[in-house]
Amino acid sequence: MQGLAGVAACGTVPASGASAAMRPPYAPRFFNAPQWDFLIAACDRLIPADVHGPGALALDVPRFIDMQMETPYGHGAGWYRAGPFVQGAANLGYQLPYAPRELYQRGIAGMNAHAATRHGRPFAALQPAVQDGLLHAAEQGRLVFDDVPSAVFFEQLLANVMEGAFSDPMHGGNTGLGGWTMLGFPGARADFMDWVDRYGAHYPLGSISISGERA
């Protein structure tokens, strides 16, 4: 679903390659089974694997998001969350009382309910083209999930998917530094400033994470 601005071996997802086969299955800590099924399916549509590099599942983006929900960020610890909650102009930003973990629960429930009503099955059981259509509709704000505007939920999901694909692997995503390798981003190297204005030039050294992991 590159058209959505859009990035799976999530431990629970079949993956190719010896390293993926050796990885133990990941058990989600926050998402329940239906929510996890949605997250895997949605991540796979937002960043599918293609000739340019791994998709969101190979990069373990669902695992990254699940781990994120158990951090202070997931609980909205750094957010101002006192009412009143009145929808205003777009430039006023997020105006709902829900922390990211609550937004996911309500958004996924809303998407699955809409999919079941419209197509007879939950989101994860639908064909990819139908899933793409639902994600497009959510992105454009054409769906309403109880009191959560679908565009707000989609924005949250897409932002976290991109973070999972391109943040440092120490946070649970970007497995094997695949997202950085795809971009040619050197990662945590300290001395590549001489290259930042060499537009189009290929940086000769591989990616490296904060932990020292190398691509």
N, C-alpha and C. Protein backbone atom coordinates (compact mmCIF):
# COMPACT_ATOMS: atom_id res chain seq x y z
N MET A 1 0.85 -1.19 0.00
CA MET A 1 0.00 0.00 0.00
C MET A 1 0.88 1.23 0.00
N GLN A 2 1.79 1.29 -0.94
CA GLN A 2 2.70 2.43 -0.99
C GLN A 2 1.96 3.73 -1.14
N GLY A 3 0.76 3.71 -1.76
CA GLY A 3 0.01 4.92 -1.98
C GLY A 3 -0.46 5.58 -0.70
N LEU A 4 -0.47 4.85 0.40
CA LEU A 4 -0.87 5.43 1.68
C LEU A 4 0.28 6.15 2.34
N ALA A 5 1.32 6.37 1.63
CA ALA A 5 2.54 6.90 2.20
C ALA A 5 3.35 5.77 2.78
N GLY A 6 2.79 4.84 2.40
CA GLY A 6 3.37 3.77 2.94
C GLY A 6 4.52 3.21 2.10
N VAL A 7 5.32 0.26 4.97
CA VAL A 7 6.42 -0.64 5.27
C VAL A 7 5.84 -1.99 5.56
N ALA A 8 7.38 -7.67 7.23
CA ALA A 8 6.67 -8.30 8.29
C ALA A 8 7.47 -9.47 8.54
N ALA A 9 10.07 -10.17 9.80
CA ALA A 9 9.39 -11.38 10.16
C ALA A 9 9.01 -11.19 11.58
N CYS A 10 7.74 -10.72 11.65
CA CYS A 10 7.23 -10.69 12.99
C CYS A 10 7.27 -12.12 13.49
N GLY A 11 7.64 -12.32 14.72
CA GLY A 11 7.86 -13.65 15.23
C GLY A 11 6.69 -14.58 15.01
N THR A 12 5.50 -14.05 14.87
CA THR A 12 4.33 -14.88 14.70
C THR A 12 3.95 -15.07 13.25
N VAL A 13 4.76 -14.53 12.36
CA VAL A 13 4.41 -14.56 10.95
C VAL A 13 5.41 -15.42 10.20
N PRO A 14 4.95 -16.29 9.32
CA PRO A 14 5.89 -17.07 8.54
C PRO A 14 6.86 -16.16 7.80
N ALA A 15 8.12 -16.52 7.82
CA ALA A 15 9.11 -15.69 7.15
C ALA A 15 10.13 -16.58 6.49
N SER A 16 10.75 -16.05 5.47
CA SER A 16 11.77 -16.80 4.78
C SER A 16 13.13 -16.44 5.33
N GLY A 17 14.10 -17.29 5.11
CA GLY A 17 15.45 -16.99 5.55
C GLY A 17 15.80 -17.74 6.82
N ALA A 18 17.08 -18.16 6.91
CA ALA A 18 17.50 -18.95 8.06
C ALA A 18 17.36 -18.20 9.37
N SER A 19 17.72 -16.90 9.40
CA SER A 19 17.66 -16.15 10.65
C SER A 19 16.24 -16.04 11.15
N ALA A 20 15.28 -15.85 10.25
CA ALA A 20 13.89 -15.75 10.67
C ALA A 20 13.40 -17.08 11.20
N ALA A 21 13.84 -18.18 10.56
CA ALA A 21 13.39 -19.50 10.99
C ALA A 21 13.90 -19.83 12.38
N MET A 22 15.06 -19.30 12.76
CA MET A 22 15.65 -19.60 14.05
C MET A 22 15.10 -18.72 15.16
N ARG A 23 14.37 -17.66 14.81
CA ARG A 23 13.88 -16.71 15.80
C ARG A 23 12.69 -17.30 16.55
N PRO A 24 12.67 -17.23 17.88
CA PRO A 24 11.52 -17.76 18.61
C PRO A 24 10.29 -16.91 18.35
N PRO A 25 9.10 -17.52 18.38
CA PRO A 25 7.86 -16.76 18.15
C PRO A 25 7.70 -15.66 19.19
N TYR A 26 7.21 -14.52 18.73
CA TYR A 26 6.98 -13.42 19.66
C TYR A 26 5.55 -13.49 20.19
N ALA A 27 5.38 -13.41 21.49
CA ALA A 27 4.05 -13.40 22.11
C ALA A 27 3.70 -11.97 22.49
N PRO A 28 2.68 -11.38 21.88
CA PRO A 28 2.33 -9.99 22.20
C PRO A 28 1.96 -9.83 23.66
N ARG A 29 2.38 -8.69 24.23
CA ARG A 29 2.12 -8.42 25.64
C ARG A 29 0.89 -7.57 25.84
N PHE A 30 0.59 -6.71 24.90
CA PHE A 30 -0.54 -5.79 25.06
C PHE A 30 -1.74 -6.21 24.22
N PHE A 31 -1.55 -6.48 22.96
CA PHE A 31 -2.66 -6.76 22.05
C PHE A 31 -3.18 -8.18 22.26
N ASN A 32 -4.52 -8.31 22.26
CA ASN A 32 -5.11 -9.65 22.30
C ASN A 32 -5.10 -10.24 20.89
N ALA A 33 -5.57 -11.48 20.75
CA ALA A 33 -5.43 -12.18 19.47
C ALA A 33 -6.09 -11.46 18.30
N PRO A 34 -7.35 -11.03 18.40
CA PRO A 34 -7.95 -10.32 17.25
C PRO A 34 -7.23 -9.01 16.94
N GLN A 35 -6.81 -8.29 17.99
CA GLN A 35 -6.09 -7.03 17.76
C GLN A 35 -4.74 -7.31 17.09
N TRP A 36 -4.08 -8.36 17.52
CA TRP A 36 -2.77 -8.73 16.94
C TRP A 36 -2.92 -9.12 15.48
N ASP A 37 -3.99 -9.85 15.16
CA ASP A 37 -4.24 -10.22 13.76
C ASP A 37 -4.42 -8.97 12.90
N PHE A 38 -5.18 -8.01 13.43
CA PHE A 38 -5.37 -6.75 12.69
C PHE A 38 -4.04 -6.05 12.48
N LEU A 39 -3.26 -5.95 13.56
CA LEU A 39 -2.01 -5.20 13.47
C LEU A 39 -1.07 -5.81 12.44
N ILE A 40 -0.95 -7.12 12.44
CA ILE A 40 -0.08 -7.79 11.46
C ILE A 40 -0.57 -7.52 10.04
N ALA A 41 -1.88 -7.66 9.82
CA ALA A 41 -2.42 -7.44 8.48
C ALA A 41 -2.26 -5.99 8.04
N ALA A 42 -2.53 -5.05 8.93
CA ALA A 42 -2.43 -3.64 8.56
C ALA A 42 -0.98 -3.24 8.28
N CYS A 43 -0.05 -3.70 9.11
CA CYS A 43 1.36 -3.39 8.89
C CYS A 43 1.82 -3.93 7.54
N ASP A 44 1.37 -5.13 7.21
CA ASP A 44 1.77 -5.76 5.95
C ASP A 44 1.25 -4.98 4.76
N ARG A 45 0.11 -4.34 4.89
CA ARG A 45 -0.42 -3.54 3.78
C ARG A 45 0.26 -2.16 3.71
N LEU A 46 0.64 -1.61 4.84
CA LEU A 46 1.23 -0.26 4.83
C LEU A 46 2.66 -0.28 4.28
N ILE A 47 3.44 -1.30 4.64
CA ILE A 47 4.79 -1.43 4.08
C ILE A 47 4.99 -2.89 3.68
N PRO A 48 4.53 -3.23 2.48
CA PRO A 48 4.72 -4.61 2.00
C PRO A 48 6.15 -4.82 1.52
N ALA A 49 6.61 -6.04 1.58
CA ALA A 49 7.92 -6.36 1.03
C ALA A 49 7.89 -6.22 -0.49
N ASP A 50 8.96 -5.70 -1.05
CA ASP A 50 9.05 -5.59 -2.51
C ASP A 50 10.51 -5.65 -2.92
N VAL A 51 10.77 -5.33 -4.16
CA VAL A 51 12.15 -5.44 -4.67
C VAL A 51 13.09 -4.45 -4.00
N HIS A 52 12.54 -3.44 -3.34
CA HIS A 52 13.39 -2.42 -2.75
C HIS A 52 13.86 -2.79 -1.34
N GLY A 53 13.19 -3.77 -0.71
CA GLY A 53 13.62 -4.15 0.63
C GLY A 53 12.55 -4.90 1.39
N PRO A 54 12.82 -5.18 2.68
CA PRO A 54 11.87 -5.96 3.50
C PRO A 54 10.63 -5.14 3.81
N GLY A 55 9.54 -5.87 4.11
CA GLY A 55 8.31 -5.21 4.53
C GLY A 55 8.25 -5.07 6.04
N ALA A 56 7.11 -4.56 6.50
CA ALA A 56 6.95 -4.29 7.93
C ALA A 56 7.01 -5.55 8.77
N LEU A 57 6.58 -6.68 8.23
CA LEU A 57 6.60 -7.91 9.03
C LEU A 57 8.03 -8.42 9.20
N ALA A 58 8.82 -8.40 8.14
CA ALA A 58 10.21 -8.82 8.25
C ALA A 58 11.00 -7.89 9.17
N LEU A 59 10.55 -6.66 9.26
CA LEU A 59 11.22 -5.69 10.14
C LEU A 59 10.68 -5.74 11.56
N ASP A 60 9.72 -6.65 11.83
CA ASP A 60 9.13 -6.82 13.17
C ASP A 60 8.43 -5.56 13.68
N VAL A 61 7.79 -4.85 12.77
CA VAL A 61 7.07 -3.64 13.18
C VAL A 61 5.94 -3.94 14.16
N PRO A 62 5.12 -5.02 13.96
CA PRO A 62 4.10 -5.31 14.98
C PRO A 62 4.70 -5.50 16.37
N ARG A 63 5.83 -6.20 16.45
CA ARG A 63 6.48 -6.37 17.76
C ARG A 63 6.88 -5.02 18.35
N PHE A 64 7.43 -4.14 17.51
CA PHE A 64 7.82 -2.80 17.98
C PHE A 64 6.62 -2.08 18.56
N ILE A 65 5.48 -2.11 17.86
CA ILE A 65 4.31 -1.38 18.34
C ILE A 65 3.78 -2.00 19.63
N ASP A 66 3.76 -3.33 19.71
CA ASP A 66 3.30 -3.99 20.94
C ASP A 66 4.18 -3.60 22.12
N MET A 67 5.49 -3.58 21.93
CA MET A 67 6.39 -3.18 23.01
C MET A 67 6.19 -1.71 23.36
N GLN A 68 5.89 -0.90 22.35
CA GLN A 68 5.69 0.53 22.55
C GLN A 68 4.50 0.79 23.49
N MET A 69 3.47 -0.06 23.39
CA MET A 69 2.25 0.16 24.19
C MET A 69 2.49 -0.05 25.68
N GLU A 70 3.60 -0.70 26.07
CA GLU A 70 3.89 -0.91 27.48
C GLU A 70 4.89 0.11 28.02
N THR A 71 5.22 1.10 27.21
CA THR A 71 6.14 2.15 27.65
C THR A 71 5.32 3.35 28.14
N PRO A 72 5.95 4.34 28.81
CA PRO A 72 5.21 5.56 29.18
C PRO A 72 4.52 6.22 27.99
N TYR A 73 5.15 6.14 26.81
CA TYR A 73 4.51 6.68 25.62
C TYR A 73 3.16 6.03 25.38
N GLY A 74 3.10 4.70 25.44
CA GLY A 74 1.86 3.99 25.19
C GLY A 74 0.76 4.38 26.15
N HIS A 75 1.16 4.75 27.36
CA HIS A 75 0.19 5.17 28.38
C HIS A 75 -0.12 6.66 28.31
N GLY A 76 0.48 7.36 27.37
CA GLY A 76 0.25 8.80 27.25
C GLY A 76 0.82 9.59 28.41
N ALA A 77 1.90 9.08 29.01
CA ALA A 77 2.44 9.70 30.22
C ALA A 77 2.93 11.12 29.96
N GLY A 78 3.37 11.41 28.75
CA GLY A 78 3.87 12.75 28.46
C GLY A 78 2.85 13.66 27.82
N TRP A 79 1.59 13.24 27.77
CA TRP A 79 0.56 14.02 27.09
C TRP A 79 -0.27 14.80 28.09
N TYR A 80 -0.73 15.98 27.68
CA TYR A 80 -1.72 16.71 28.47
C TYR A 80 -3.08 16.10 28.18
N ARG A 81 -3.72 15.55 29.19
CA ARG A 81 -4.94 14.77 28.95
C ARG A 81 -6.11 15.24 29.80
N ALA A 82 -6.11 16.49 30.23
CA ALA A 82 -7.25 17.01 30.98
C ALA A 82 -8.25 17.63 30.01
N GLY A 83 -9.54 17.48 30.31
CA GLY A 83 -10.58 18.00 29.44
C GLY A 83 -10.67 19.52 29.52
N PRO A 84 -11.59 20.16 28.81
CA PRO A 84 -12.59 19.49 27.95
C PRO A 84 -11.97 19.03 26.63
N PHE A 85 -12.59 18.02 26.02
CA PHE A 85 -12.10 17.48 24.75
C PHE A 85 -13.05 17.91 23.64
N VAL A 86 -12.69 18.97 22.97
CA VAL A 86 -13.52 19.55 21.92
C VAL A 86 -12.72 19.56 20.62
N GLN A 87 -13.28 18.97 19.57
CA GLN A 87 -12.59 18.97 18.28
C GLN A 87 -12.51 20.39 17.74
N GLY A 88 -11.30 20.82 17.43
CA GLY A 88 -11.10 22.15 16.89
C GLY A 88 -10.44 22.09 15.53
N ALA A 89 -9.80 23.18 15.16
CA ALA A 89 -9.10 23.22 13.87
C ALA A 89 -7.96 22.21 13.87
N ALA A 90 -7.60 21.76 12.66
CA ALA A 90 -6.58 20.72 12.55
C ALA A 90 -5.25 21.14 13.16
N ASN A 91 -4.96 22.46 13.09
CA ASN A 91 -3.66 22.89 13.61
C ASN A 91 -3.60 22.89 15.13
N LEU A 92 -4.72 22.59 15.78
CA LEU A 92 -4.70 22.49 17.24
C LEU A 92 -4.27 21.10 17.70
N GLY A 93 -4.13 20.18 16.76
CA GLY A 93 -3.60 18.86 17.09
C GLY A 93 -4.59 17.91 17.72
N TYR A 94 -4.04 16.89 18.35
CA TYR A 94 -4.82 15.79 18.91
C TYR A 94 -5.75 16.29 20.01
N GLN A 95 -7.03 15.93 19.93
CA GLN A 95 -8.02 16.45 20.88
C GLN A 95 -8.89 15.35 21.48
N LEU A 96 -8.33 14.16 21.67
CA LEU A 96 -9.09 13.06 22.26
C LEU A 96 -8.50 12.69 23.63
N PRO A 97 -9.29 12.07 24.50
CA PRO A 97 -8.80 11.73 25.85
C PRO A 97 -7.99 10.45 25.90
N TYR A 98 -7.74 9.80 24.75
CA TYR A 98 -7.17 8.46 24.77
C TYR A 98 -5.66 8.46 24.56
N ALA A 99 -4.98 7.68 25.40
CA ALA A 99 -3.56 7.40 25.20
C ALA A 99 -3.43 6.46 24.00
N PRO A 100 -2.20 6.34 23.42
CA PRO A 100 -2.05 5.47 22.24
C PRO A 100 -2.63 4.09 22.42
N ARG A 101 -2.44 3.44 23.56
CA ARG A 101 -2.97 2.07 23.74
C ARG A 101 -4.49 2.04 23.70
N GLU A 102 -5.12 3.07 24.21
CA GLU A 102 -6.59 3.15 24.17
C GLU A 102 -7.07 3.46 22.76
N LEU A 103 -6.30 4.28 22.08
CA LEU A 103 -6.65 4.62 20.70
C LEU A 103 -6.58 3.38 19.82
N TYR A 104 -5.58 2.53 20.03
CA TYR A 104 -5.47 1.29 19.27
C TYR A 104 -6.66 0.38 19.56
N GLN A 105 -7.01 0.22 20.82
CA GLN A 105 -8.11 -0.68 21.16
C GLN A 105 -9.42 -0.23 20.51
N ARG A 106 -9.69 1.06 20.58
CA ARG A 106 -10.92 1.58 20.00
C ARG A 106 -10.87 1.57 18.47
N GLY A 107 -9.75 1.93 17.92
CA GLY A 107 -9.63 1.96 16.46
C GLY A 107 -9.72 0.58 15.84
N ILE A 108 -9.03 -0.39 16.45
CA ILE A 108 -9.07 -1.76 15.90
C ILE A 108 -10.47 -2.35 16.04
N ALA A 109 -11.10 -2.11 17.20
CA ALA A 109 -12.47 -2.60 17.38
C ALA A 109 -13.39 -1.99 16.34
N GLY A 110 -13.21 -0.71 16.08
CA GLY A 110 -14.04 -0.02 15.10
C GLY A 110 -13.81 -0.55 13.70
N MET A 111 -12.54 -0.75 13.34
CA MET A 111 -12.24 -1.26 12.00
C MET A 111 -12.77 -2.66 11.82
N ASN A 112 -12.59 -3.53 12.83
CA ASN A 112 -13.10 -4.90 12.71
C ASN A 112 -14.63 -4.93 12.65
N ALA A 113 -15.28 -4.06 13.41
CA ALA A 113 -16.74 -4.01 13.37
C ALA A 113 -17.22 -3.53 12.00
N HIS A 114 -16.54 -2.53 11.45
CA HIS A 114 -16.90 -2.03 10.13
C HIS A 114 -16.68 -3.12 9.08
N ALA A 115 -15.54 -3.83 9.16
CA ALA A 115 -15.25 -4.88 8.19
C ALA A 115 -16.28 -6.00 8.28
N ALA A 116 -16.68 -6.37 9.51
CA ALA A 116 -17.66 -7.45 9.68
C ALA A 116 -19.02 -7.04 9.15
N THR A 117 -19.41 -5.80 9.38
CA THR A 117 -20.71 -5.33 8.91
C THR A 117 -20.73 -5.22 7.39
N ARG A 118 -19.66 -4.70 6.84
CA ARG A 118 -19.61 -4.43 5.40
C ARG A 118 -19.21 -5.66 4.58
N HIS A 119 -18.31 -6.49 5.12
CA HIS A 119 -17.76 -7.59 4.33
C HIS A 119 -17.92 -8.96 4.98
N GLY A 120 -18.52 -9.01 6.18
CA GLY A 120 -18.81 -10.30 6.80
C GLY A 120 -17.67 -10.95 7.54
N ARG A 121 -16.48 -10.32 7.57
CA ARG A 121 -15.33 -10.89 8.25
C ARG A 121 -14.47 -9.78 8.84
N PRO A 122 -13.67 -10.10 9.84
CA PRO A 122 -12.78 -9.07 10.39
C PRO A 122 -11.71 -8.66 9.39
N PHE A 123 -11.11 -7.54 9.64
CA PHE A 123 -10.14 -6.95 8.71
C PHE A 123 -9.09 -7.94 8.26
N ALA A 124 -8.51 -8.69 9.20
CA ALA A 124 -7.38 -9.57 8.88
C ALA A 124 -7.77 -10.70 7.95
N ALA A 125 -9.07 -11.03 7.86
CA ALA A 125 -9.52 -12.15 7.03
C ALA A 125 -9.91 -11.70 5.63
N LEU A 126 -9.81 -10.43 5.34
CA LEU A 126 -10.21 -9.91 4.04
C LEU A 126 -9.07 -9.97 3.03
N GLN A 127 -9.42 -9.89 1.77
CA GLN A 127 -8.42 -9.86 0.72
C GLN A 127 -7.61 -8.56 0.80
N PRO A 128 -6.33 -8.60 0.38
CA PRO A 128 -5.50 -7.40 0.48
C PRO A 128 -6.11 -6.16 -0.18
N ALA A 129 -6.76 -6.34 -1.33
CA ALA A 129 -7.33 -5.17 -2.00
C ALA A 129 -8.45 -4.55 -1.17
N VAL A 130 -9.22 -5.39 -0.49
CA VAL A 130 -10.29 -4.88 0.37
C VAL A 130 -9.68 -4.19 1.59
N GLN A 131 -8.63 -4.78 2.14
CA GLN A 131 -7.94 -4.16 3.27
C GLN A 131 -7.40 -2.78 2.87
N ASP A 132 -6.83 -2.72 1.67
CA ASP A 132 -6.32 -1.43 1.20
C ASP A 132 -7.44 -0.40 1.12
N GLY A 133 -8.60 -0.84 0.63
CA GLY A 133 -9.72 0.09 0.52
C GLY A 133 -10.17 0.61 1.87
N LEU A 134 -10.19 -0.27 2.87
CA LEU A 134 -10.59 0.17 4.21
C LEU A 134 -9.56 1.10 4.82
N LEU A 135 -8.28 0.82 4.58
CA LEU A 135 -7.25 1.71 5.12
C LEU A 135 -7.30 3.07 4.44
N HIS A 136 -7.55 3.07 3.13
CA HIS A 136 -7.70 4.35 2.43
C HIS A 136 -8.88 5.14 3.01
N ALA A 137 -9.99 4.45 3.23
CA ALA A 137 -11.17 5.13 3.77
C ALA A 137 -10.88 5.69 5.15
N ALA A 138 -10.15 4.93 5.96
CA ALA A 138 -9.79 5.43 7.29
C ALA A 138 -8.87 6.63 7.18
N GLU A 139 -7.89 6.56 6.29
CA GLU A 139 -6.96 7.68 6.12
C GLU A 139 -7.69 8.95 5.72
N GLN A 140 -8.71 8.79 4.89
CA GLN A 140 -9.44 9.96 4.40
C GLN A 140 -10.55 10.39 5.36
N GLY A 141 -10.68 9.74 6.49
CA GLY A 141 -11.66 10.13 7.49
C GLY A 141 -13.08 9.77 7.14
N ARG A 142 -13.25 8.77 6.26
CA ARG A 142 -14.60 8.40 5.82
C ARG A 142 -15.25 7.36 6.72
N LEU A 143 -14.54 6.91 7.76
CA LEU A 143 -15.09 5.95 8.71
C LEU A 143 -15.13 6.60 10.09
N VAL A 144 -16.03 6.13 10.93
CA VAL A 144 -16.11 6.62 12.30
C VAL A 144 -16.11 5.41 13.23
N PHE A 145 -15.15 5.35 14.14
CA PHE A 145 -15.03 4.24 15.07
C PHE A 145 -15.49 4.71 16.44
N ASP A 146 -16.81 4.64 16.67
CA ASP A 146 -17.39 5.17 17.91
C ASP A 146 -17.08 6.66 17.96
N ASP A 147 -16.32 7.10 18.97
CA ASP A 147 -16.00 8.53 19.05
C ASP A 147 -14.59 8.82 18.54
N VAL A 148 -13.97 7.87 17.85
CA VAL A 148 -12.62 8.08 17.32
C VAL A 148 -12.69 8.29 15.81
N PRO A 149 -12.35 9.47 15.32
CA PRO A 149 -12.30 9.68 13.87
C PRO A 149 -11.28 8.72 13.25
N SER A 150 -11.66 8.09 12.15
CA SER A 150 -10.77 7.08 11.56
C SER A 150 -9.44 7.68 11.13
N ALA A 151 -9.44 8.94 10.70
CA ALA A 151 -8.18 9.56 10.26
C ALA A 151 -7.21 9.69 11.42
N VAL A 152 -7.72 9.93 12.62
CA VAL A 152 -6.86 10.05 13.80
C VAL A 152 -6.22 8.69 14.11
N PHE A 153 -7.03 7.64 14.04
CA PHE A 153 -6.50 6.30 14.27
C PHE A 153 -5.48 5.92 13.20
N PHE A 154 -5.78 6.23 11.95
CA PHE A 154 -4.86 5.89 10.87
C PHE A 154 -3.53 6.63 11.03
N GLU A 155 -3.62 7.90 11.39
CA GLU A 155 -2.40 8.68 11.58
C GLU A 155 -1.52 8.07 12.68
N GLN A 156 -2.14 7.63 13.77
CA GLN A 156 -1.41 6.99 14.85
C GLN A 156 -0.74 5.70 14.37
N LEU A 157 -1.52 4.89 13.66
CA LEU A 157 -1.01 3.62 13.16
C LEU A 157 0.15 3.82 12.19
N LEU A 158 -0.04 4.70 11.22
CA LEU A 158 1.01 4.91 10.23
C LEU A 158 2.29 5.46 10.86
N ALA A 159 2.14 6.40 11.80
CA ALA A 159 3.32 6.96 12.47
C ALA A 159 4.10 5.87 13.19
N ASN A 160 3.40 5.00 13.92
CA ASN A 160 4.07 3.94 14.66
C ASN A 160 4.68 2.89 13.73
N VAL A 161 4.04 2.62 12.60
CA VAL A 161 4.60 1.69 11.63
C VAL A 161 5.92 2.25 11.06
N MET A 162 5.93 3.51 10.73
CA MET A 162 7.15 4.11 10.21
C MET A 162 8.25 4.12 11.27
N GLU A 163 7.88 4.40 12.52
CA GLU A 163 8.86 4.37 13.61
C GLU A 163 9.44 2.96 13.76
N GLY A 164 8.56 1.95 13.69
CA GLY A 164 9.02 0.58 13.84
C GLY A 164 9.93 0.13 12.72
N ALA A 165 9.73 0.67 11.55
CA ALA A 165 10.54 0.27 10.40
C ALA A 165 11.89 0.97 10.37
N PHE A 166 11.95 2.18 10.94
CA PHE A 166 13.16 2.97 10.72
C PHE A 166 13.84 3.49 12.00
N SER A 167 13.36 3.09 13.19
CA SER A 167 14.05 3.47 14.41
C SER A 167 15.18 2.47 14.69
N ASP A 168 15.97 2.76 15.70
CA ASP A 168 17.08 1.86 16.02
C ASP A 168 16.54 0.48 16.42
N PRO A 169 17.19 -0.59 15.97
CA PRO A 169 16.72 -1.95 16.29
C PRO A 169 16.62 -2.23 17.78
N MET A 170 17.32 -1.47 18.61
CA MET A 170 17.27 -1.72 20.05
C MET A 170 15.87 -1.52 20.62
N HIS A 171 14.99 -0.88 19.85
CA HIS A 171 13.63 -0.64 20.32
C HIS A 171 12.65 -1.73 19.86
N GLY A 172 13.11 -2.74 19.14
CA GLY A 172 12.25 -3.87 18.81
C GLY A 172 11.85 -3.99 17.36
N GLY A 173 12.07 -2.96 16.56
CA GLY A 173 11.75 -3.01 15.14
C GLY A 173 13.01 -2.95 14.30
N ASN A 174 12.83 -2.64 13.02
CA ASN A 174 13.97 -2.49 12.10
C ASN A 174 14.93 -3.67 12.25
N THR A 175 14.38 -4.87 12.28
CA THR A 175 15.18 -6.08 12.49
C THR A 175 16.25 -6.25 11.42
N GLY A 176 17.44 -6.55 11.87
CA GLY A 176 18.56 -6.73 10.95
C GLY A 176 18.98 -5.43 10.29
N LEU A 177 18.49 -4.30 10.84
CA LEU A 177 18.75 -2.98 10.26
C LEU A 177 18.27 -2.89 8.82
N GLY A 178 17.22 -3.69 8.52
CA GLY A 178 16.74 -3.76 7.16
C GLY A 178 16.16 -2.45 6.65
N GLY A 179 15.51 -1.68 7.54
CA GLY A 179 14.96 -0.40 7.11
C GLY A 179 16.06 0.58 6.73
N TRP A 180 17.11 0.61 7.52
CA TRP A 180 18.22 1.52 7.26
C TRP A 180 18.99 1.10 6.01
N THR A 181 19.18 -0.21 5.86
CA THR A 181 19.90 -0.70 4.68
C THR A 181 19.15 -0.32 3.42
N MET A 182 17.81 -0.42 3.49
CA MET A 182 16.98 -0.07 2.34
C MET A 182 17.17 1.39 1.94
N LEU A 183 17.37 2.25 2.95
CA LEU A 183 17.54 3.67 2.69
C LEU A 183 18.99 4.07 2.43
N GLY A 184 19.92 3.19 2.81
CA GLY A 184 21.32 3.56 2.75
C GLY A 184 21.72 4.44 3.91
N PHE A 185 20.96 4.37 5.01
CA PHE A 185 21.24 5.19 6.19
C PHE A 185 22.31 4.51 7.04
N PRO A 186 23.39 5.21 7.39
CA PRO A 186 24.49 4.58 8.12
C PRO A 186 24.19 4.30 9.58
N GLY A 187 23.12 4.90 10.13
CA GLY A 187 22.76 4.64 11.52
C GLY A 187 23.57 5.45 12.51
N ALA A 188 24.10 4.76 13.53
CA ALA A 188 24.73 5.45 14.66
C ALA A 188 26.20 5.74 14.45
N ARG A 189 26.66 5.73 13.21
CA ARG A 189 28.06 6.11 12.96
C ARG A 189 28.25 7.58 13.30
N ALA A 190 29.44 7.90 13.85
CA ALA A 190 29.67 9.25 14.35
C ALA A 190 30.31 10.17 13.33
N ASP A 191 30.76 9.65 12.21
CA ASP A 191 31.61 10.49 11.37
C ASP A 191 31.21 10.48 9.90
N PHE A 192 29.90 10.58 9.64
CA PHE A 192 29.50 10.61 8.23
C PHE A 192 29.02 12.00 7.79
N MET A 193 29.36 13.03 8.60
CA MET A 193 28.89 14.38 8.26
C MET A 193 29.46 14.86 6.93
N ASP A 194 30.64 14.36 6.56
CA ASP A 194 31.22 14.79 5.27
C ASP A 194 30.41 14.31 4.08
N TRP A 195 29.46 13.39 4.34
CA TRP A 195 28.69 12.80 3.25
C TRP A 195 27.27 13.37 3.12
N VAL A 196 26.85 14.19 4.10
CA VAL A 196 25.44 14.58 4.11
C VAL A 196 25.06 15.46 2.92
N ASP A 197 26.02 16.13 2.31
CA ASP A 197 25.67 16.97 1.16
C ASP A 197 26.14 16.37 -0.16
N ARG A 198 26.51 15.10 -0.17
CA ARG A 198 26.89 14.42 -1.41
C ARG A 198 25.65 13.72 -1.97
N TYR A 199 24.78 14.49 -2.52
CA TYR A 199 23.49 13.98 -2.97
C TYR A 199 23.64 12.92 -4.06
N GLY A 200 23.02 11.76 -3.83
CA GLY A 200 23.05 10.69 -4.80
C GLY A 200 24.26 9.77 -4.68
N ALA A 201 25.24 10.18 -3.86
CA ALA A 201 26.44 9.33 -3.69
C ALA A 201 26.13 8.19 -2.74
N HIS A 202 26.73 7.03 -2.99
CA HIS A 202 26.51 5.85 -2.14
C HIS A 202 27.51 5.84 -0.99
N TYR A 203 27.01 5.85 0.26
CA TYR A 203 27.89 5.80 1.42
C TYR A 203 28.50 4.40 1.50
N PRO A 204 29.83 4.33 1.64
CA PRO A 204 30.50 3.02 1.46
C PRO A 204 30.39 2.07 2.65
N LEU A 205 30.04 2.56 3.84
CA LEU A 205 30.01 1.70 5.02
C LEU A 205 28.59 1.29 5.36
N GLY A 206 28.41 0.10 5.92
CA GLY A 206 27.09 -0.41 6.26
C GLY A 206 26.49 0.27 7.48
N SER A 207 25.22 -0.04 7.72
CA SER A 207 24.51 0.55 8.87
C SER A 207 24.98 -0.10 10.17
N ILE A 208 24.90 0.69 11.25
CA ILE A 208 25.26 0.18 12.58
C ILE A 208 24.29 0.78 13.60
N SER A 209 23.86 -0.03 14.56
CA SER A 209 22.90 0.44 15.57
C SER A 209 23.64 0.98 16.79
N ILE A 210 22.89 1.59 17.69
CA ILE A 210 23.46 2.11 18.93
C ILE A 210 24.11 0.98 19.73
N SER A 211 23.53 -0.21 19.65
CA SER A 211 24.05 -1.37 20.40
C SER A 211 25.32 -1.94 19.78
N GLY A 212 25.66 -1.49 18.58
CA GLY A 212 26.83 -2.02 17.88
C GLY A 212 26.47 -3.05 16.84
N GLU A 213 25.18 -3.43 16.75
CA GLU A 213 24.76 -4.39 15.72
C GLU A 213 25.01 -3.81 14.35
N ARG A 214 25.49 -4.63 13.45
CA ARG A 214 25.78 -4.18 12.09
C ARG A 214 24.92 -4.89 11.08
N ALA A 215 24.66 -4.19 9.99
CA ALA A 215 23.84 -4.79 8.93
C ALA A 215 24.63 -5.86 8.22
